[in-house]
């Protein structure tokens, strides 16, 4: 593995977003294939996620690593788009924090882990209405809809979105997963969600399982 890729890995481990972006640019200038750059980052973020799951790292570590990596991913994605290369994706995920909730960190971490695992992610942002989610489903035709809610006062919006999907006759068109501090597996079962995950690092595994690709 090249010294540049090793430096990129180090930037993620040390949560250095600026270094990650600069090193990603350097890797591209050296002619390293975008997929190889992503593979190096994916290996690193998986290790960080595994260490978090074992209790060896903590939430600030996960946030810092995801933030650093997201900067580098943006550089690589821009290069892929510029080159016009087609990169086969596992699937498409529409992601957003539900209406009434403006918390972003958890959602952003989920996006980073999904992109690292070669998912196409449409991040709608925060405070997203059910109508906006429906529009995104119709526009992007995702396999998975990921709904985040941190507040106990907004989790009911996750249920409302599922009901809207049913009323419009498109519930079977998309797998719905939920997450966020205010959610639980019991709540996911209660509202008829297809999946629940408590940690961002394990979200890709859940999505792969739902798509039969794990």
C-alpha atoms as a PDB file:
ATOM      1  CA  UNK A   1       0.000   0.000   0.000  1.00  0.00           C
ATOM      2  CA  UNK A   2       1.307   3.441  -0.913  1.00  0.00           C
ATOM      3  CA  UNK A   3       2.637   5.925   1.610  1.00  0.00           C
ATOM      4  CA  UNK A   4      -0.140   8.320   0.575  1.00  0.00           C
ATOM      5  CA  UNK A   5      -2.891   5.839   1.406  1.00  0.00           C
ATOM      6  CA  UNK A   6      -1.194   5.113   4.714  1.00  0.00           C
ATOM      7  CA  UNK A   7      -1.135   8.862   5.419  1.00  0.00           C
ATOM      8  CA  UNK A   8      -4.810   9.043   4.555  1.00  0.00           C
ATOM      9  CA  UNK A   9      -5.550   6.274   7.016  1.00  0.00           C
ATOM     10  CA  UNK A  10      -3.529   8.090   9.654  1.00  0.00           C
ATOM     11  CA  UNK A  11      -5.518  11.296   9.084  1.00  0.00           C
ATOM     12  CA  UNK A  12      -8.744   9.414   9.826  1.00  0.00           C
ATOM     13  CA  UNK A  13      -7.308   7.707  12.889  1.00  0.00           C
ATOM     14  CA  UNK A  14      -6.155  11.097  14.226  1.00  0.00           C
ATOM     15  CA  UNK A  15      -9.433  12.816  13.245  1.00  0.00           C
ATOM     16  CA  UNK A  16      -7.624  15.352  11.049  1.00  0.00           C
ATOM     17  CA  UNK A  17     -10.160  16.498   8.442  1.00  0.00           C
ATOM     18  CA  UNK A  18      -7.835  18.977   6.713  1.00  0.00           C
ATOM     19  CA  UNK A  19      -5.089  16.393   6.407  1.00  0.00           C
ATOM     20  CA  UNK A  20      -7.607  13.847   5.084  1.00  0.00           C
ATOM     21  CA  UNK A  21      -8.776  16.210   2.359  1.00  0.00           C
ATOM     22  CA  UNK A  22      -5.260  17.206   1.389  1.00  0.00           C
ATOM     23  CA  UNK A  23      -4.070  13.604   1.316  1.00  0.00           C
ATOM     24  CA  UNK A  24      -7.049  12.526  -0.778  1.00  0.00           C
ATOM     25  CA  UNK A  25      -6.171  15.235  -3.300  1.00  0.00           C
ATOM     26  CA  UNK A  26      -2.561  14.038  -3.304  1.00  0.00           C
ATOM     27  CA  UNK A  27      -3.654  10.452  -3.887  1.00  0.00           C
ATOM     28  CA  UNK A  28      -5.692  11.502  -6.903  1.00  0.00           C
ATOM     29  CA  UNK A  29      -2.792  13.560  -8.263  1.00  0.00           C
ATOM     30  CA  UNK A  30      -0.583  10.467  -7.940  1.00  0.00           C
ATOM     31  CA  UNK A  31      -3.012   8.560 -10.128  1.00  0.00           C
ATOM     32  CA  UNK A  32      -4.339   6.227  -7.453  1.00  0.00           C
ATOM     33  CA  UNK A  33      -7.716   4.836  -8.465  1.00  0.00           C
ATOM     34  CA  UNK A  34     -10.656   6.375  -6.551  1.00  0.00           C
ATOM     35  CA  UNK A  35     -11.921   2.919  -5.598  1.00  0.00           C
ATOM     36  CA  UNK A  36      -8.534   2.090  -4.075  1.00  0.00           C
ATOM     37  CA  UNK A  37      -8.622   5.322  -2.090  1.00  0.00           C
ATOM     38  CA  UNK A  38     -12.095   4.504  -0.813  1.00  0.00           C
ATOM     39  CA  UNK A  39     -11.010   0.954   0.033  1.00  0.00           C
ATOM     40  CA  UNK A  40      -8.206   2.268   2.226  1.00  0.00           C
ATOM     41  CA  UNK A  41     -10.562   4.590   4.061  1.00  0.00           C
ATOM     42  CA  UNK A  42     -13.195   1.882   4.427  1.00  0.00           C
ATOM     43  CA  UNK A  43     -10.706  -0.477   6.041  1.00  0.00           C
ATOM     44  CA  UNK A  44      -9.814   2.227   8.561  1.00  0.00           C
ATOM     45  CA  UNK A  45     -13.342   3.297   9.430  1.00  0.00           C
ATOM     46  CA  UNK A  46     -14.404  -0.339   9.835  1.00  0.00           C
ATOM     47  CA  UNK A  47     -11.621  -0.857  12.352  1.00  0.00           C
ATOM     48  CA  UNK A  48     -12.692   2.261  14.253  1.00  0.00           C
ATOM     49  CA  UNK A  49     -16.298   1.077  14.207  1.00  0.00           C
ATOM     50  CA  UNK A  50     -15.291  -2.362  15.478  1.00  0.00           C
ATOM     51  CA  UNK A  51     -13.218  -0.831  18.270  1.00  0.00           C
ATOM     52  CA  UNK A  52     -16.170   1.363  19.224  1.00  0.00           C
ATOM     53  CA  UNK A  53     -18.399  -1.703  19.336  1.00  0.00           C
ATOM     54  CA  UNK A  54     -15.905  -3.443  21.665  1.00  0.00           C
ATOM     55  CA  UNK A  55     -15.826  -0.431  23.972  1.00  0.00           C
ATOM     56  CA  UNK A  56     -12.217   0.406  23.114  1.00  0.00           C
ATOM     57  CA  UNK A  57     -13.202   3.732  21.513  1.00  0.00           C
ATOM     58  CA  UNK A  58     -15.949   6.189  22.418  1.00  0.00           C
ATOM     59  CA  UNK A  59     -18.497   8.392  20.680  1.00  0.00           C
ATOM     60  CA  UNK A  60     -16.122  11.402  20.267  1.00  0.00           C
ATOM     61  CA  UNK A  61     -13.674   9.067  18.515  1.00  0.00           C
ATOM     62  CA  UNK A  62     -16.387   7.892  16.146  1.00  0.00           C
ATOM     63  CA  UNK A  63     -17.546  11.446  15.447  1.00  0.00           C
ATOM     64  CA  UNK A  64     -13.999  12.664  14.828  1.00  0.00           C
ATOM     65  CA  UNK A  65     -13.126   9.826  12.483  1.00  0.00           C
ATOM     66  CA  UNK A  66     -16.378  10.176  10.539  1.00  0.00           C
ATOM     67  CA  UNK A  67     -15.863  13.922  10.180  1.00  0.00           C
ATOM     68  CA  UNK A  68     -12.313  13.474   8.892  1.00  0.00           C
ATOM     69  CA  UNK A  69     -13.342  10.782   6.474  1.00  0.00           C
ATOM     70  CA  UNK A  70     -16.321  12.704   5.123  1.00  0.00           C
ATOM     71  CA  UNK A  71     -13.954  15.443   3.968  1.00  0.00           C
ATOM     72  CA  UNK A  72     -11.833  12.957   2.042  1.00  0.00           C
ATOM     73  CA  UNK A  73     -14.868  11.178   0.599  1.00  0.00           C
ATOM     74  CA  UNK A  74     -16.122  14.471  -0.832  1.00  0.00           C
ATOM     75  CA  UNK A  75     -12.821  14.877  -2.681  1.00  0.00           C
ATOM     76  CA  UNK A  76     -12.930  11.347  -4.091  1.00  0.00           C
ATOM     77  CA  UNK A  77     -16.596  11.573  -5.111  1.00  0.00           C
ATOM     78  CA  UNK A  78     -15.905  14.838  -6.943  1.00  0.00           C
ATOM     79  CA  UNK A  79     -13.093  13.123  -8.860  1.00  0.00           C
ATOM     80  CA  UNK A  80     -15.335  10.183  -9.772  1.00  0.00           C
ATOM     81  CA  UNK A  81     -18.006  12.561 -11.045  1.00  0.00           C
ATOM     82  CA  UNK A  82     -15.422  14.568 -12.972  1.00  0.00           C
ATOM     83  CA  UNK A  83     -14.003  11.468 -14.641  1.00  0.00           C
ATOM     84  CA  UNK A  84     -17.435  10.212 -15.616  1.00  0.00           C
ATOM     85  CA  UNK A  85     -16.612   6.722 -14.368  1.00  0.00           C
ATOM     86  CA  UNK A  86     -19.490   4.496 -13.378  1.00  0.00           C
ATOM     87  CA  UNK A  87     -19.024   3.003  -9.924  1.00  0.00           C
ATOM     88  CA  UNK A  88     -21.351   0.134  -9.119  1.00  0.00           C
ATOM     89  CA  UNK A  89     -23.185   0.734  -5.852  1.00  0.00           C
ATOM     90  CA  UNK A  90     -24.657  -1.792  -3.443  1.00  0.00           C
ATOM     91  CA  UNK A  91     -27.874   0.199  -3.267  1.00  0.00           C
ATOM     92  CA  UNK A  92     -29.400   3.629  -2.743  1.00  0.00           C
ATOM     93  CA  UNK A  93     -30.336   4.988   0.681  1.00  0.00           C
ATOM     94  CA  UNK A  94     -32.429   8.116   1.235  1.00  0.00           C
ATOM     95  CA  UNK A  95     -31.470   9.497   4.627  1.00  0.00           C
ATOM     96  CA  UNK A  96     -32.777  12.307   6.804  1.00  0.00           C
ATOM     97  CA  UNK A  97     -33.654  13.545  10.275  1.00  0.00           C
ATOM     98  CA  UNK A  98     -37.419  13.791  10.693  1.00  0.00           C
ATOM     99  CA  UNK A  99     -39.527  16.916  10.964  1.00  0.00           C
ATOM    100  CA  UNK A 100     -39.124  18.837  14.210  1.00  0.00           C
ATOM    101  CA  UNK A 101     -35.635  17.477  14.857  1.00  0.00           C
ATOM    102  CA  UNK A 102     -32.495  19.340  13.803  1.00  0.00           C
ATOM    103  CA  UNK A 103     -29.851  16.946  15.141  1.00  0.00           C
ATOM    104  CA  UNK A 104     -27.261  16.121  12.517  1.00  0.00           C
ATOM    105  CA  UNK A 105     -24.237  14.340  13.994  1.00  0.00           C
ATOM    106  CA  UNK A 106     -25.634  10.807  14.122  1.00  0.00           C
ATOM    107  CA  UNK A 107     -27.154  11.077  10.663  1.00  0.00           C
ATOM    108  CA  UNK A 108     -23.906  12.372   9.211  1.00  0.00           C
ATOM    109  CA  UNK A 109     -21.967   9.495  10.741  1.00  0.00           C
ATOM    110  CA  UNK A 110     -24.409   6.994   9.262  1.00  0.00           C
ATOM    111  CA  UNK A 111     -23.948   8.620   5.859  1.00  0.00           C
ATOM    112  CA  UNK A 112     -20.159   8.390   6.147  1.00  0.00           C
ATOM    113  CA  UNK A 113     -20.221   4.698   7.017  1.00  0.00           C
ATOM    114  CA  UNK A 114     -22.707   3.923   4.239  1.00  0.00           C
ATOM    115  CA  UNK A 115     -20.709   5.797   1.604  1.00  0.00           C
ATOM    116  CA  UNK A 116     -17.561   4.039   2.772  1.00  0.00           C
ATOM    117  CA  UNK A 117     -19.293   0.704   2.165  1.00  0.00           C
ATOM    118  CA  UNK A 118     -20.204   1.750  -1.402  1.00  0.00           C
ATOM    119  CA  UNK A 119     -23.813   2.796  -0.913  1.00  0.00           C
ATOM    120  CA  UNK A 120     -25.247   5.727  -2.807  1.00  0.00           C
ATOM    121  CA  UNK A 121     -26.626   8.045  -0.123  1.00  0.00           C
ATOM    122  CA  UNK A 122     -29.096  10.862  -0.683  1.00  0.00           C
ATOM    123  CA  UNK A 123     -28.858  12.987   2.467  1.00  0.00           C
ATOM    124  CA  UNK A 124     -31.938  15.197   2.720  1.00  0.00           C
ATOM    125  CA  UNK A 125     -30.697  16.950   5.859  1.00  0.00           C
ATOM    126  CA  UNK A 126     -32.624  17.704   9.051  1.00  0.00           C
ATOM    127  CA  UNK A 127     -36.209  18.714   9.916  1.00  0.00           C
ATOM    128  CA  UNK A 128     -37.521  16.796   6.898  1.00  0.00           C
ATOM    129  CA  UNK A 129     -41.278  16.462   6.376  1.00  0.00           C
ATOM    130  CA  UNK A 130     -42.984  13.249   5.306  1.00  0.00           C
ATOM    131  CA  UNK A 131     -43.836  14.956   2.001  1.00  0.00           C
ATOM    132  CA  UNK A 132     -40.158  15.611   1.318  1.00  0.00           C
ATOM    133  CA  UNK A 133     -39.268  12.000   2.073  1.00  0.00           C
ATOM    134  CA  UNK A 134     -41.996  10.800  -0.305  1.00  0.00           C
ATOM    135  CA  UNK A 135     -40.750  13.122  -3.048  1.00  0.00           C
ATOM    136  CA  UNK A 136     -37.222  11.750  -2.596  1.00  0.00           C
ATOM    137  CA  UNK A 137     -38.449   8.157  -2.827  1.00  0.00           C
ATOM    138  CA  UNK A 138     -40.270   8.925  -6.056  1.00  0.00           C
ATOM    139  CA  UNK A 139     -37.262  10.787  -7.471  1.00  0.00           C
ATOM    140  CA  UNK A 140     -34.382   8.497  -6.454  1.00  0.00           C
ATOM    141  CA  UNK A 141     -36.128   5.113  -6.189  1.00  0.00           C
ATOM    142  CA  UNK A 142     -34.070   3.966  -3.181  1.00  0.00           C
ATOM    143  CA  UNK A 143     -34.024   0.476  -1.768  1.00  0.00           C
ATOM    144  CA  UNK A 144     -33.809   1.875   1.764  1.00  0.00           C
ATOM    145  CA  UNK A 145     -35.276   4.864   3.612  1.00  0.00           C
ATOM    146  CA  UNK A 146     -33.316   5.750   6.773  1.00  0.00           C
ATOM    147  CA  UNK A 147     -35.094   7.920   9.360  1.00  0.00           C
ATOM    148  CA  UNK A 148     -33.234   9.537  12.249  1.00  0.00           C
ATOM    149  CA  UNK A 149     -34.797  11.018  15.405  1.00  0.00           C
ATOM    150  CA  UNK A 150     -32.971  12.052  18.537  1.00  0.00           C
ATOM    151  CA  UNK A 151     -35.863  13.574  20.477  1.00  0.00           C
ATOM    152  CA  UNK A 152     -38.666  11.670  22.181  1.00  0.00           C
ATOM    153  CA  UNK A 153     -41.028  14.318  20.818  1.00  0.00           C
ATOM    154  CA  UNK A 154     -40.137  13.510  17.194  1.00  0.00           C
ATOM    155  CA  UNK A 155     -40.011   9.716  17.065  1.00  0.00           C
ATOM    156  CA  UNK A 156     -43.744   9.649  16.320  1.00  0.00           C
ATOM    157  CA  UNK A 157     -42.859  11.275  13.003  1.00  0.00           C
ATOM    158  CA  UNK A 158     -41.080   8.059  12.022  1.00  0.00           C
ATOM    159  CA  UNK A 159     -44.352   6.215  12.540  1.00  0.00           C
ATOM    160  CA  UNK A 160     -46.243   8.887  10.588  1.00  0.00           C
ATOM    161  CA  UNK A 161     -43.915   8.530   7.603  1.00  0.00           C
ATOM    162  CA  UNK A 162     -44.463   4.773   7.492  1.00  0.00           C
ATOM    163  CA  UNK A 163     -48.237   5.355   7.598  1.00  0.00           C
ATOM    164  CA  UNK A 164     -47.961   7.857   4.738  1.00  0.00           C
ATOM    165  CA  UNK A 165     -46.021   5.284   2.710  1.00  0.00           C
ATOM    166  CA  UNK A 166     -48.831   2.786   3.310  1.00  0.00           C
ATOM    167  CA  UNK A 167     -51.541   5.279   2.376  1.00  0.00           C
ATOM    168  CA  UNK A 168     -49.778   6.084  -0.888  1.00  0.00           C
ATOM    169  CA  UNK A 169     -49.393   2.399  -1.698  1.00  0.00           C
ATOM    170  CA  UNK A 170     -45.586   2.481  -1.799  1.00  0.00           C
ATOM    171  CA  UNK A 171     -44.698   0.926   1.559  1.00  0.00           C
ATOM    172  CA  UNK A 172     -43.559  -2.310  -0.094  1.00  0.00           C
ATOM    173  CA  UNK A 173     -41.358  -0.357  -2.482  1.00  0.00           C
ATOM    174  CA  UNK A 174     -38.752   0.575   0.125  1.00  0.00           C
ATOM    175  CA  UNK A 175     -37.200  -0.861   3.278  1.00  0.00           C
ATOM    176  CA  UNK A 176     -37.510   1.537   6.225  1.00  0.00           C
ATOM    177  CA  UNK A 177     -34.876   1.640   8.942  1.00  0.00           C
ATOM    178  CA  UNK A 178     -34.853   3.902  11.996  1.00  0.00           C
ATOM    179  CA  UNK A 179     -32.221   5.121  14.427  1.00  0.00           C
ATOM    180  CA  UNK A 180     -31.406   7.861  16.886  1.00  0.00           C
ATOM    181  CA  UNK A 181     -31.158   8.209  20.636  1.00  0.00           C
ATOM    182  CA  UNK A 182     -34.918   8.184  21.158  1.00  0.00           C
ATOM    183  CA  UNK A 183     -35.517   4.971  19.194  1.00  0.00           C
ATOM    184  CA  UNK A 184     -35.390   1.312  20.220  1.00  0.00           C
ATOM    185  CA  UNK A 185     -35.856  -2.085  18.617  1.00  0.00           C
ATOM    186  CA  UNK A 186     -39.200  -2.356  20.407  1.00  0.00           C
ATOM    187  CA  UNK A 187     -40.370   0.905  18.874  1.00  0.00           C
ATOM    188  CA  UNK A 188     -39.190  -0.216  15.435  1.00  0.00           C
ATOM    189  CA  UNK A 189     -41.231  -3.401  15.795  1.00  0.00           C
ATOM    190  CA  UNK A 190     -44.240  -1.440  17.024  1.00  0.00           C
ATOM    191  CA  UNK A 191     -44.352   0.915  14.024  1.00  0.00           C
ATOM    192  CA  UNK A 192     -43.508  -1.758  11.473  1.00  0.00           C
ATOM    193  CA  UNK A 193     -40.035  -0.581  10.485  1.00  0.00           C
ATOM    194  CA  UNK A 194     -37.889  -3.108   8.643  1.00  0.00           C
ATOM    195  CA  UNK A 195     -34.831  -2.503  10.785  1.00  0.00           C
ATOM    196  CA  UNK A 196     -33.255  -0.649  13.687  1.00  0.00           C
ATOM    197  CA  UNK A 197     -29.655   0.062  14.536  1.00  0.00           C
ATOM    198  CA  UNK A 198     -28.302   1.848  17.593  1.00  0.00           C
ATOM    199  CA  UNK A 199     -24.863   2.668  16.192  1.00  0.00           C
ATOM    200  CA  UNK A 200     -23.767   4.363  12.978  1.00  0.00           C
ATOM    201  CA  UNK A 201     -20.894   1.940  12.462  1.00  0.00           C
ATOM    202  CA  UNK A 202     -23.256  -1.018  12.109  1.00  0.00           C
ATOM    203  CA  UNK A 203     -25.771   0.694   9.814  1.00  0.00           C
ATOM    204  CA  UNK A 204     -24.137  -0.648   6.605  1.00  0.00           C
ATOM    205  CA  UNK A 205     -24.397  -4.211   7.896  1.00  0.00           C
ATOM    206  CA  UNK A 206     -28.103  -3.732   8.569  1.00  0.00           C
ATOM    207  CA  UNK A 207     -28.659  -2.311   5.085  1.00  0.00           C
ATOM    208  CA  UNK A 208     -26.718  -5.140   3.438  1.00  0.00           C
ATOM    209  CA  UNK A 209     -28.734  -7.707   5.388  1.00  0.00           C
ATOM    210  CA  UNK A 210     -32.025  -6.143   4.309  1.00  0.00           C
ATOM    211  CA  UNK A 211     -30.875  -6.210   0.685  1.00  0.00           C
ATOM    212  CA  UNK A 212     -29.620  -9.805   0.964  1.00  0.00           C
ATOM    213  CA  UNK A 213     -26.022  -8.724   0.321  1.00  0.00           C
ATOM    214  CA  UNK A 214     -24.398  -9.404   3.689  1.00  0.00           C
END
